[in-house]
Amino acid sequence: MSRRDEETILIVESDSAVRKTLAGYLKNDYRVLGASTGQEAWTTLAKEKVDLILFDETVTDVQGVEFFRNARVRYPDIVRILLTASREQAQVMNIIRQAAVYHVIPTPCPSWHLRLLIDRALESRELSRRHRMLSRDLKLSDGAFHNQTGALTKLIRDSYEFDQLVFASDTMLEVCNLARKSAATDLPVLIEGETGTGKELMARAVHGFSERHEFPFLAQNCGALPDELLQSELFGHKRGAFTGAISDRLGLFVAADGGTVFLDEVSEVSPSFQVSLLRFLQEGEVKPLGAERTKRANVRIIAASNRPIKDLVAQGSFRKDLYYRLRGFELTIPPLRNRIDDIPVLAEHFSRKYAERLNRRIAGITVQVMRQLQAYPFHGNVRELETEIRRMVALAGDGEFLSTEHLSDDLANVLPLDLRRKELNLIHAGGTLKQKVERLEAQVVSEMLVRYRWNQSKVAKELGLSRVGLANKIRRYKLAAAPDATLSRTQPG
């Protein structure tokens, strides 16, 4: 068997001789790392990509159950195997239940048996990964399954990462599938959607998947310039054509010949410029300002608008014939608040992106933060979410989880959807006025404790209570910190 360098095993064993023996037995087929303590193991996990942890319960500074319980949260994809001298069924079952280990192996164990279990565990891990990928691919067309394995894997990845667009929702999958079909043609594309939804990324993706991908992709914001300057930017000009024209300018249509020109905010152009744009779409001819001769430019037009152009046509502010020219394919990107399934994958994507830029390791995003993000309306859409995650990564320490303490005030104060429903239930549930008030009070105290990460001094100050008064309410309502309240500050090691 050839050495599988991509698969790494971490042996956590206090006895150096045993650790060395195990490493010597496995190193021909796996990359093997060692640690003598739990502290050393966390340090290694923070620096290295590990596929399987082999933990001997003889380690003195941490119990195997506790170590694996934390490892399950921090590194859920790592296979966890515990070596223990215990032979009591109840104790072994407790270990399996609490730590969610893949296998508990009684010691001593024959080396060939241990090796077999490790091989099977990693094979099972890979099969589970492939199963998840194939299950996700069921949303694609049946024809996808007739491709070879490599092509199928690429299709799955592309379907959920269409160029730089990352998503998980069915609505975005439909939009991107239509965009992929449009890329195979040479028709104009009209992309509509609110500001920040990723219209330019969609345009770049269409260009990147088209036959024009080796030629330029040039973008112009049409809403930012008056007609004369916009005419110059797109069609070019000759020297002296207008005040300030000190030299010839080629223009984007000619400069992108063979490629794609992206016209953002096309809905904002004046009626007179709409005529010029319509003529170009019909004839493919470019006449620079101040020039006597026309040039031909073979470019594909992708236009975008943050307002439905169909409505503008009905109002009479946008030419109907130009609208029909632009909408060879019409793509509508839904706002982020209408596709909350995309928020977790986008948040994870942005956290990895900015953690890499800062050369920082982010342990993950807590459940509470995800709940807050999915409850927030994000009027700035994906762009606003990206800015929020970038800020959180900048605030978080190396190895930390992104937690509620890193959220901006707007996000921190939003009430998650399940709590909104719970609040309504608390009000409308039966009982006396005193019982209703007590239920609401318990809910308010619980939410504030979560918001301030169970910092009772801050909560007491916010609610106008003494520390003793707050402690009494916590006992009275039997409130307890959720695991998420402590994980965000957990450091590796």
Protein backbone atom coordinates (compact mmCIF):
# COMPACT_ATOMS: atom_id res chain seq x y z
CA MET A 1 0.00 0.00 0.00
CA SER A 2 1.35 3.43 -0.92
CA ARG A 3 1.73 6.15 1.71
CA ARG A 4 -1.39 8.38 1.86
CA ASP A 5 0.18 11.72 2.72
CA GLU A 6 -3.13 13.51 2.61
CA GLU A 7 -4.41 11.48 5.59
CA THR A 8 -2.94 12.45 8.95
CA ILE A 9 -3.28 10.63 12.27
CA LEU A 10 -2.67 12.33 15.61
CA ILE A 11 -1.68 9.90 18.40
CA VAL A 12 -2.34 11.33 21.86
CA GLU A 13 -0.47 8.97 24.21
CA SER A 14 1.40 9.78 27.46
CA ASP A 15 3.83 6.84 27.13
CA SER A 16 6.50 7.87 24.63
CA ALA A 17 7.51 4.25 23.97
CA VAL A 18 3.93 3.22 23.10
CA ARG A 19 3.52 6.37 21.00
CA LYS A 20 6.72 5.61 19.11
CA THR A 21 5.67 2.00 18.50
CA LEU A 22 2.27 3.05 17.13
CA ALA A 23 3.81 5.73 14.95
CA GLY A 24 6.37 3.29 13.58
CA TYR A 25 3.59 0.88 12.69
CA LEU A 26 1.45 3.46 10.90
CA LYS A 27 3.95 5.89 9.35
CA ASN A 28 4.45 3.89 6.14
CA ASP A 29 0.84 4.46 5.15
CA TYR A 30 -0.15 7.64 6.97
CA ARG A 31 1.33 10.91 8.07
CA VAL A 32 1.62 10.47 11.84
CA LEU A 33 1.82 13.21 14.49
CA GLY A 34 2.23 12.69 18.24
CA ALA A 35 1.24 14.42 21.46
CA SER A 36 1.83 13.40 25.06
CA THR A 37 -0.84 15.65 26.63
CA GLY A 38 -4.18 17.16 25.78
CA GLN A 39 -2.59 20.62 25.79
CA GLU A 40 -0.03 19.51 23.21
CA ALA A 41 -2.80 17.87 21.14
CA TRP A 42 -4.81 21.12 20.96
CA THR A 43 -1.69 23.01 19.86
CA THR A 44 -1.10 20.46 17.09
CA LEU A 45 -4.73 20.57 15.95
CA ALA A 46 -4.56 24.36 15.69
CA LYS A 47 -1.60 24.11 13.30
CA GLU A 48 -2.15 20.90 11.35
CA LYS A 49 -4.92 19.34 9.27
CA VAL A 50 -5.74 16.06 11.03
CA ASP A 51 -8.05 13.30 9.75
CA LEU A 52 -8.10 10.93 12.74
CA ILE A 53 -7.34 11.25 16.46
CA LEU A 54 -6.20 8.18 18.41
CA PHE A 55 -6.53 9.12 22.10
CA ASP A 56 -5.32 6.89 24.95
CA GLU A 57 -7.18 7.48 28.21
CA THR A 58 -3.92 7.25 30.14
CA VAL A 59 -3.28 10.93 29.27
CA THR A 60 -3.29 12.69 32.63
CA ASP A 61 -4.14 16.35 31.98
CA VAL A 62 -7.57 15.74 30.41
CA GLN A 63 -10.15 12.95 30.30
CA GLY A 64 -10.84 11.32 26.95
CA VAL A 65 -14.56 12.07 27.16
CA GLU A 66 -13.93 15.76 27.84
CA PHE A 67 -11.28 15.99 25.10
CA PHE A 68 -13.49 14.39 22.46
CA ARG A 69 -16.57 16.35 23.52
CA ASN A 70 -14.69 19.57 22.70
CA ALA A 71 -13.06 18.06 19.61
CA ARG A 72 -16.49 17.12 18.30
CA VAL A 73 -17.48 20.81 18.29
CA ARG A 74 -14.19 22.33 17.13
CA TYR A 75 -13.28 19.70 14.52
CA PRO A 76 -16.47 17.79 13.60
CA ASP A 77 -14.94 16.14 10.51
CA ILE A 78 -12.10 14.43 12.38
CA VAL A 79 -12.60 10.72 13.16
CA ARG A 80 -12.31 10.14 16.92
CA ILE A 81 -11.06 6.81 18.36
CA LEU A 82 -10.59 6.30 22.11
CA LEU A 83 -8.29 3.69 23.68
CA THR A 84 -9.40 2.69 27.18
CA ALA A 85 -8.62 -0.02 29.70
CA SER A 86 -12.25 -0.02 30.89
CA ARG A 87 -14.21 -3.25 30.37
CA GLU A 88 -17.47 -2.08 31.99
CA GLN A 89 -20.24 -1.85 29.41
CA ALA A 90 -22.05 1.00 31.14
CA GLN A 91 -18.87 3.09 31.27
CA VAL A 92 -17.98 2.37 27.63
CA MET A 93 -21.53 3.22 26.49
CA ASN A 94 -21.34 6.48 28.44
CA ILE A 95 -18.11 7.36 26.63
CA ILE A 96 -19.69 6.64 23.25
CA ARG A 97 -22.82 8.64 24.08
CA GLN A 98 -21.08 11.70 25.55
CA ALA A 99 -18.10 11.99 23.23
CA ALA A 100 -19.74 10.67 20.02
CA VAL A 101 -16.56 8.75 19.23
CA TYR A 102 -16.34 6.58 16.13
CA HIS A 103 -14.93 3.65 18.11
CA VAL A 104 -13.87 2.75 21.66
CA ILE A 105 -11.05 0.19 21.66
CA PRO A 106 -10.24 -1.78 24.84
CA THR A 107 -6.52 -2.03 25.58
CA PRO A 108 -4.32 -3.90 25.11
CA CYS A 109 -5.26 -4.26 21.44
CA PRO A 110 -3.33 -6.21 18.75
CA SER A 111 -1.59 -3.82 16.37
CA TRP A 112 -3.15 -5.47 13.31
CA HIS A 113 -6.62 -4.99 14.81
CA LEU A 114 -5.96 -1.32 15.54
CA ARG A 115 -4.63 -0.82 12.02
CA LEU A 116 -7.74 -2.45 10.51
CA LEU A 117 -10.05 -0.20 12.54
CA ILE A 118 -8.14 2.92 11.48
CA ASP A 119 -8.29 1.92 7.80
CA ARG A 120 -12.02 1.22 7.98
CA ALA A 121 -12.73 4.43 9.93
CA LEU A 122 -11.03 6.60 7.29
CA GLU A 123 -12.72 4.69 4.48
CA SER A 124 -16.10 5.22 6.17
CA ARG A 125 -15.31 8.94 6.54
CA GLU A 126 -14.56 9.25 2.82
CA LEU A 127 -17.70 7.33 1.86
CA SER A 128 -19.80 9.61 4.09
CA ARG A 129 -18.27 12.67 2.42
CA ARG A 130 -19.06 11.32 -1.04
CA HIS A 131 -22.58 10.40 0.03
CA ARG A 132 -23.21 13.98 1.18
CA MET A 133 -21.96 15.30 -2.15
CA LEU A 134 -24.13 12.89 -4.14
CA SER A 135 -27.20 13.65 -2.02
CA ARG A 136 -26.75 17.33 -2.72
CA ASP A 137 -26.43 16.58 -6.43
CA LEU A 138 -29.94 15.09 -6.52
CA LYS A 139 -31.18 18.65 -7.05
CA LEU A 140 -29.41 18.71 -10.42
CA SER A 141 -30.65 17.14 -13.64
CA ASP A 142 -30.65 13.36 -13.98
CA GLY A 143 -28.18 13.67 -16.85
CA ALA A 144 -25.48 14.62 -14.39
CA PHE A 145 -25.27 11.02 -13.18
CA HIS A 146 -24.11 9.77 -16.58
CA ASN A 147 -20.82 11.66 -16.30
CA GLN A 148 -17.61 10.15 -15.03
CA THR A 149 -16.71 10.58 -11.36
CA GLY A 150 -14.34 13.50 -11.94
CA ALA A 151 -16.83 15.37 -14.10
CA LEU A 152 -19.62 14.68 -11.60
CA THR A 153 -17.59 16.07 -8.72
CA LYS A 154 -16.81 19.19 -10.74
CA LEU A 155 -20.48 19.63 -11.65
CA ILE A 156 -21.51 19.39 -8.00
CA ARG A 157 -18.92 21.96 -6.99
CA ASP A 158 -19.81 24.32 -9.81
CA SER A 159 -23.51 24.07 -9.04
CA TYR A 160 -22.98 25.33 -5.52
CA GLU A 161 -20.05 27.61 -6.26
CA PHE A 162 -20.95 29.20 -9.60
CA ASP A 163 -17.65 30.98 -10.16
CA GLN A 164 -17.46 33.28 -7.10
CA LEU A 165 -21.13 32.92 -6.16
CA VAL A 166 -21.60 30.66 -3.12
CA PHE A 167 -25.07 29.38 -2.26
CA ALA A 168 -27.14 26.45 -0.98
CA SER A 169 -30.76 27.45 -1.64
CA ASP A 170 -32.94 25.99 -4.35
CA THR A 171 -33.87 29.46 -5.61
CA MET A 172 -30.25 30.40 -6.28
CA LEU A 173 -29.62 26.98 -7.79
CA GLU A 174 -32.38 27.66 -10.33
CA VAL A 175 -31.00 31.12 -11.15
CA CYS A 176 -27.46 29.80 -11.59
CA ASN A 177 -28.60 26.88 -13.72
CA LEU A 178 -30.36 29.36 -16.02
CA ALA A 179 -27.24 31.57 -16.00
CA ARG A 180 -25.11 28.58 -17.01
CA LYS A 181 -27.46 27.95 -19.93
CA SER A 182 -27.28 31.61 -20.95
CA ALA A 183 -23.47 31.42 -20.90
CA ALA A 184 -23.57 28.83 -23.66
CA THR A 185 -25.30 31.33 -25.98
CA ASP A 186 -24.33 34.75 -27.28
CA LEU A 187 -27.59 36.47 -26.31
CA PRO A 188 -27.65 39.60 -24.11
CA VAL A 189 -28.40 38.98 -20.44
CA LEU A 190 -30.40 41.22 -18.12
CA ILE A 191 -29.72 40.70 -14.39
CA GLU A 192 -32.13 42.23 -11.88
CA GLY A 193 -31.86 42.30 -8.12
CA GLU A 194 -31.44 44.57 -5.13
CA THR A 195 -28.16 46.33 -4.41
CA GLY A 196 -25.61 43.96 -2.91
CA THR A 197 -27.09 40.70 -4.20
CA GLY A 198 -24.09 39.97 -6.44
CA LYS A 199 -25.19 41.05 -9.92
CA GLU A 200 -21.67 41.80 -11.11
CA LEU A 201 -20.42 38.45 -9.77
CA MET A 202 -23.21 36.79 -11.73
CA ALA A 203 -22.21 38.71 -14.86
CA ARG A 204 -18.57 37.67 -14.42
CA ALA A 205 -19.66 34.07 -13.95
CA VAL A 206 -21.70 34.13 -17.18
CA HIS A 207 -18.70 35.58 -19.02
CA GLY A 208 -16.33 33.06 -17.41
CA PHE A 209 -18.45 30.10 -18.54
CA SER A 210 -18.96 31.46 -22.06
CA GLU A 211 -16.86 31.00 -25.18
CA ARG A 212 -15.75 34.63 -24.77
CA HIS A 213 -13.93 33.91 -21.48
CA GLU A 214 -10.48 34.41 -23.01
CA PHE A 215 -11.42 37.94 -24.07
CA PRO A 216 -11.88 41.00 -21.79
CA PHE A 217 -14.70 41.52 -19.33
CA LEU A 218 -15.15 45.28 -18.82
CA ALA A 219 -17.68 46.88 -16.47
CA GLN A 220 -19.26 50.33 -16.42
CA ASN A 221 -21.63 51.85 -13.86
CA CYS A 222 -24.13 53.73 -16.01
CA GLY A 223 -25.81 55.54 -13.14
CA ALA A 224 -22.70 57.39 -12.02
CA LEU A 225 -22.03 59.48 -15.18
CA PRO A 226 -23.82 62.11 -17.27
CA ASP A 227 -24.60 61.27 -20.90
CA GLU A 228 -21.53 62.91 -22.44
CA LEU A 229 -19.07 61.12 -20.18
CA LEU A 230 -20.95 57.82 -20.45
CA GLN A 231 -20.94 58.16 -24.25
CA SER A 232 -17.18 58.73 -24.09
CA GLU A 233 -16.58 55.79 -21.73
CA LEU A 234 -18.47 53.32 -23.88
CA PHE A 235 -18.10 54.62 -27.46
CA GLY A 236 -14.81 56.52 -27.10
CA HIS A 237 -13.93 59.98 -28.38
CA LYS A 238 -11.47 61.83 -30.55
CA ARG A 239 -9.13 64.48 -29.23
CA GLY A 240 -10.90 67.85 -28.94
CA ALA A 241 -14.39 66.32 -29.15
CA PHE A 242 -15.35 68.20 -25.98
CA THR A 243 -13.72 70.27 -23.27
CA GLY A 244 -11.13 68.14 -21.52
CA ALA A 245 -10.73 65.62 -24.35
CA ILE A 246 -6.96 66.04 -24.62
CA SER A 247 -6.36 62.70 -26.36
CA ASP A 248 -8.18 59.96 -28.23
CA ARG A 249 -10.09 57.41 -26.16
CA LEU A 250 -10.85 53.92 -27.44
CA GLY A 251 -14.06 53.26 -25.49
CA LEU A 252 -15.12 50.07 -23.69
CA PHE A 253 -17.04 48.57 -26.63
CA VAL A 254 -13.97 48.59 -28.87
CA ALA A 255 -11.55 47.75 -26.03
CA ALA A 256 -13.60 44.65 -25.13
CA ASP A 257 -13.94 43.46 -28.75
CA GLY A 258 -14.59 39.72 -28.64
CA GLY A 259 -15.45 39.84 -24.96
CA THR A 260 -18.20 41.12 -22.65
CA VAL A 261 -19.27 44.57 -21.47
CA PHE A 262 -21.23 44.74 -18.21
CA LEU A 263 -23.55 47.74 -17.91
CA ASP A 264 -24.53 48.18 -14.27
CA GLU A 265 -27.54 50.34 -13.31
CA VAL A 266 -28.64 50.46 -16.95
CA SER A 267 -32.07 51.57 -15.73
CA GLU A 268 -30.59 54.98 -14.83
CA VAL A 269 -29.52 56.05 -18.35
CA SER A 270 -31.36 58.91 -20.04
CA PRO A 271 -33.84 58.40 -22.88
CA SER A 272 -31.36 59.91 -25.37
CA PHE A 273 -28.61 57.50 -24.35
CA GLN A 274 -31.08 54.61 -24.55
CA VAL A 275 -31.33 55.41 -28.29
CA SER A 276 -27.53 55.16 -28.71
CA LEU A 277 -27.41 51.88 -26.79
CA LEU A 278 -30.29 50.43 -28.83
CA ARG A 279 -28.51 51.30 -32.09
CA PHE A 280 -25.35 49.58 -30.93
CA LEU A 281 -27.28 46.44 -29.97
CA GLN A 282 -28.96 46.39 -33.37
CA GLU A 283 -26.00 47.22 -35.61
CA GLY A 284 -22.89 46.52 -33.54
CA GLU A 285 -21.45 49.85 -34.74
CA VAL A 286 -19.48 52.31 -32.64
CA LYS A 287 -18.99 55.96 -33.57
CA PRO A 288 -16.66 57.76 -31.13
CA LEU A 289 -17.52 61.35 -30.21
CA GLY A 290 -15.92 63.70 -32.73
CA ALA A 291 -15.19 60.92 -35.23
CA GLU A 292 -16.45 60.73 -38.81
CA ARG A 293 -16.20 56.98 -39.28
CA THR A 294 -17.85 54.14 -37.43
CA LYS A 295 -16.14 51.01 -36.11
CA ARG A 296 -17.54 47.57 -35.50
CA ALA A 297 -17.29 45.90 -32.12
CA ASN A 298 -18.26 42.30 -31.43
CA VAL A 299 -19.14 42.33 -27.74
CA ARG A 300 -21.77 40.67 -25.63
CA ILE A 301 -23.85 42.97 -23.43
CA ILE A 302 -24.78 41.96 -19.89
CA ALA A 303 -26.89 44.63 -18.21
CA ALA A 304 -28.00 44.93 -14.59
CA SER A 305 -30.61 46.91 -12.72
CA ASN A 306 -31.62 47.19 -9.08
CA ARG A 307 -35.16 48.12 -10.22
CA PRO A 308 -37.46 45.93 -12.34
CA ILE A 309 -37.12 47.38 -15.86
CA LYS A 310 -40.49 45.94 -16.80
CA ASP A 311 -42.05 48.38 -14.32
CA LEU A 312 -40.02 51.26 -15.79
CA VAL A 313 -41.29 50.35 -19.26
CA ALA A 314 -44.86 50.45 -17.95
CA GLN A 315 -44.15 53.90 -16.46
CA GLY A 316 -42.74 55.11 -19.80
CA SER A 317 -39.24 55.92 -18.48
CA PHE A 318 -37.48 53.05 -20.29
CA ARG A 319 -37.78 52.14 -23.98
CA LYS A 320 -39.72 48.95 -24.60
CA ASP A 321 -37.65 48.03 -27.66
CA LEU A 322 -34.40 48.41 -25.70
CA TYR A 323 -35.83 46.27 -22.89
CA TYR A 324 -36.65 43.50 -25.34
CA ARG A 325 -33.13 43.73 -26.81
CA LEU A 326 -31.49 43.44 -23.41
CA ARG A 327 -33.57 40.56 -22.08
CA GLY A 328 -32.23 37.72 -24.23
CA PHE A 329 -32.00 35.96 -20.88
CA GLU A 330 -33.51 37.53 -17.78
CA LEU A 331 -32.00 36.56 -14.42
CA THR A 332 -33.53 37.74 -11.15
CA ILE A 333 -31.37 37.34 -8.04
CA PRO A 334 -33.60 37.15 -4.94
CA PRO A 335 -32.67 39.25 -1.90
CA LEU A 336 -30.75 37.47 0.86
CA ARG A 337 -33.67 37.73 3.31
CA ASN A 338 -35.69 35.51 0.95
CA ARG A 339 -33.04 32.79 0.84
CA ILE A 340 -31.85 32.39 4.42
CA ASP A 341 -30.53 28.90 3.59
CA ASP A 342 -27.65 30.69 1.86
CA ILE A 343 -26.63 32.67 4.96
CA PRO A 344 -24.74 29.85 6.78
CA VAL A 345 -22.69 28.83 3.72
CA LEU A 346 -21.95 32.46 2.85
CA ALA A 347 -20.95 33.23 6.44
CA GLU A 348 -18.59 30.23 6.51
CA HIS A 349 -17.18 31.19 3.10
CA PHE A 350 -16.48 34.78 4.16
CA SER A 351 -15.02 33.72 7.52
CA ARG A 352 -12.53 31.42 5.76
CA LYS A 353 -11.75 34.06 3.14
CA TYR A 354 -10.89 36.83 5.60
CA ALA A 355 -9.23 34.51 8.11
CA GLU A 356 -6.82 33.47 5.35
CA ARG A 357 -6.14 37.11 4.47
CA LEU A 358 -5.32 37.87 8.10
CA ASN A 359 -3.34 34.63 8.48
CA ARG A 360 -5.66 33.69 11.32
CA ARG A 361 -7.46 30.47 12.21
CA ILE A 362 -11.17 30.80 13.01
CA ALA A 363 -12.52 27.77 14.87
CA GLY A 364 -16.03 28.26 13.47
CA ILE A 365 -19.23 30.22 13.90
CA THR A 366 -21.40 29.52 16.94
CA VAL A 367 -25.00 28.37 16.64
CA GLN A 368 -26.28 31.51 18.33
CA VAL A 369 -24.52 33.75 15.78
CA MET A 370 -26.02 31.76 12.91
CA ARG A 371 -29.46 32.22 14.45
CA GLN A 372 -28.88 35.96 14.71
CA LEU A 373 -27.65 36.18 11.11
CA GLN A 374 -30.62 34.25 9.75
CA ALA A 375 -33.07 36.46 11.66
CA TYR A 376 -31.56 39.73 10.37
CA PRO A 377 -33.19 41.27 7.24
CA PHE A 378 -29.88 42.29 5.54
CA HIS A 379 -31.19 45.19 3.47
CA GLY A 380 -27.66 45.46 2.03
CA ASN A 381 -27.86 41.77 1.07
CA VAL A 382 -24.70 39.69 0.57
CA ARG A 383 -22.48 42.76 0.59
CA GLU A 384 -23.73 43.68 4.08
CA LEU A 385 -23.26 40.11 5.33
CA GLU A 386 -19.71 40.04 3.96
CA THR A 387 -18.88 43.31 5.73
CA GLU A 388 -20.30 41.95 9.00
CA ILE A 389 -18.30 38.71 8.84
CA ARG A 390 -15.14 40.57 7.84
CA ARG A 391 -15.55 42.79 10.92
CA MET A 392 -16.15 39.76 13.17
CA VAL A 393 -13.03 38.00 11.91
CA ALA A 394 -11.00 41.16 12.58
CA LEU A 395 -12.30 41.24 16.17
CA ALA A 396 -11.87 37.53 16.93
CA GLY A 397 -8.65 36.14 18.34
CA ASP A 398 -6.66 33.37 16.71
CA GLY A 399 -8.38 30.01 17.27
CA GLU A 400 -11.61 31.59 18.55
CA PHE A 401 -15.17 30.96 17.43
CA LEU A 402 -17.06 33.89 15.94
CA SER A 403 -19.53 34.51 18.75
CA THR A 404 -22.23 37.00 19.70
CA GLU A 405 -19.68 39.29 21.37
CA HIS A 406 -18.18 39.94 17.92
CA LEU A 407 -21.51 40.97 16.33
CA SER A 408 -22.24 44.60 15.50
CA ASP A 409 -24.96 46.27 17.59
CA ASP A 410 -27.63 45.88 14.88
CA LEU A 411 -27.03 42.13 14.63
CA ALA A 412 -26.60 41.62 18.38
CA ASN A 413 -29.96 43.21 19.12
CA VAL A 414 -32.00 41.23 16.60
CA LEU A 415 -34.35 38.64 18.05
CA PRO A 416 -33.95 35.17 16.44
CA LEU A 417 -37.03 33.80 14.68
CA ASP A 418 -37.58 30.98 17.15
CA LEU A 419 -37.43 33.44 20.06
CA ARG A 420 -39.94 35.72 18.33
CA ARG A 421 -42.35 32.83 18.04
CA LYS A 422 -41.61 31.82 21.62
CA GLU A 423 -42.28 35.37 22.79
CA LEU A 424 -45.67 35.36 21.09
CA ASN A 425 -46.44 31.98 22.65
CA LEU A 426 -45.48 33.31 26.07
CA ILE A 427 -47.94 36.17 25.70
CA HIS A 428 -50.84 34.16 24.27
CA ALA A 429 -50.40 31.07 26.45
CA GLY A 430 -52.90 30.54 29.23
CA GLY A 431 -52.48 31.42 32.87
CA THR A 432 -52.91 34.35 35.21
CA LEU A 433 -51.41 37.78 34.65
CA LYS A 434 -48.69 36.97 37.20
CA GLN A 435 -47.79 33.77 35.33
CA LYS A 436 -47.63 35.59 31.99
CA VAL A 437 -45.39 38.31 33.49
CA GLU A 438 -43.08 35.71 35.04
CA ARG A 439 -42.75 33.86 31.74
CA LEU A 440 -41.84 37.09 29.94
CA GLU A 441 -39.40 38.07 32.70
CA ALA A 442 -37.66 34.70 32.48
CA GLN A 443 -37.42 35.09 28.69
CA VAL A 444 -35.96 38.62 28.93
CA VAL A 445 -33.36 37.57 31.51
CA SER A 446 -32.45 34.50 29.43
CA GLU A 447 -31.99 36.57 26.24
CA MET A 448 -29.80 39.13 28.00
CA LEU A 449 -27.61 36.39 29.48
CA VAL A 450 -27.13 34.92 26.02
CA ARG A 451 -26.43 38.34 24.48
CA TYR A 452 -23.72 39.16 27.05
CA ARG A 453 -22.22 35.66 27.06
CA TRP A 454 -23.40 35.09 30.66
CA ASN A 455 -21.43 38.06 31.96
CA GLN A 456 -23.70 38.62 34.95
CA SER A 457 -22.22 42.01 35.83
CA LYS A 458 -23.13 43.41 32.39
CA VAL A 459 -26.57 41.79 32.42
CA ALA A 460 -27.36 43.11 35.90
CA LYS A 461 -26.31 46.62 34.85
CA GLU A 462 -28.36 46.45 31.63
CA LEU A 463 -31.48 45.28 33.47
CA GLY A 464 -31.05 47.63 36.42
CA LEU A 465 -30.58 44.78 38.90
CA SER A 466 -28.02 44.00 41.56
CA ARG A 467 -25.78 40.96 41.11
CA VAL A 468 -27.66 39.24 43.94
CA GLY A 469 -31.04 40.09 42.38
CA LEU A 470 -29.95 38.67 39.03
CA ALA A 471 -28.58 35.53 40.68
CA ASN A 472 -31.91 35.03 42.46
CA LYS A 473 -33.82 35.25 39.15
CA ILE A 474 -31.43 32.78 37.51
CA ARG A 475 -32.10 30.31 40.34
CA ARG A 476 -35.82 31.03 40.41
CA TYR A 477 -36.30 30.43 36.69
CA LYS A 478 -33.72 27.59 36.58
CA LEU A 479 -31.72 29.25 33.79
CA ALA A 480 -28.53 27.56 32.61
CA ALA A 481 -25.80 28.54 30.16
CA ALA A 482 -26.01 26.79 26.81
CA PRO A 483 -22.82 25.20 25.43
CA ASP A 484 -22.62 28.06 22.91
CA ALA A 485 -22.17 30.51 25.81
CA THR A 486 -18.70 29.16 26.53
CA LEU A 487 -17.44 27.79 23.22
CA SER A 488 -16.75 31.16 21.65
CA ARG A 489 -13.95 31.85 24.09
CA THR A 490 -12.49 28.37 23.96
CA GLN A 491 -8.91 28.42 22.79
CA PRO A 492 -7.13 25.39 21.35
CA GLY A 493 -5.11 23.82 24.12
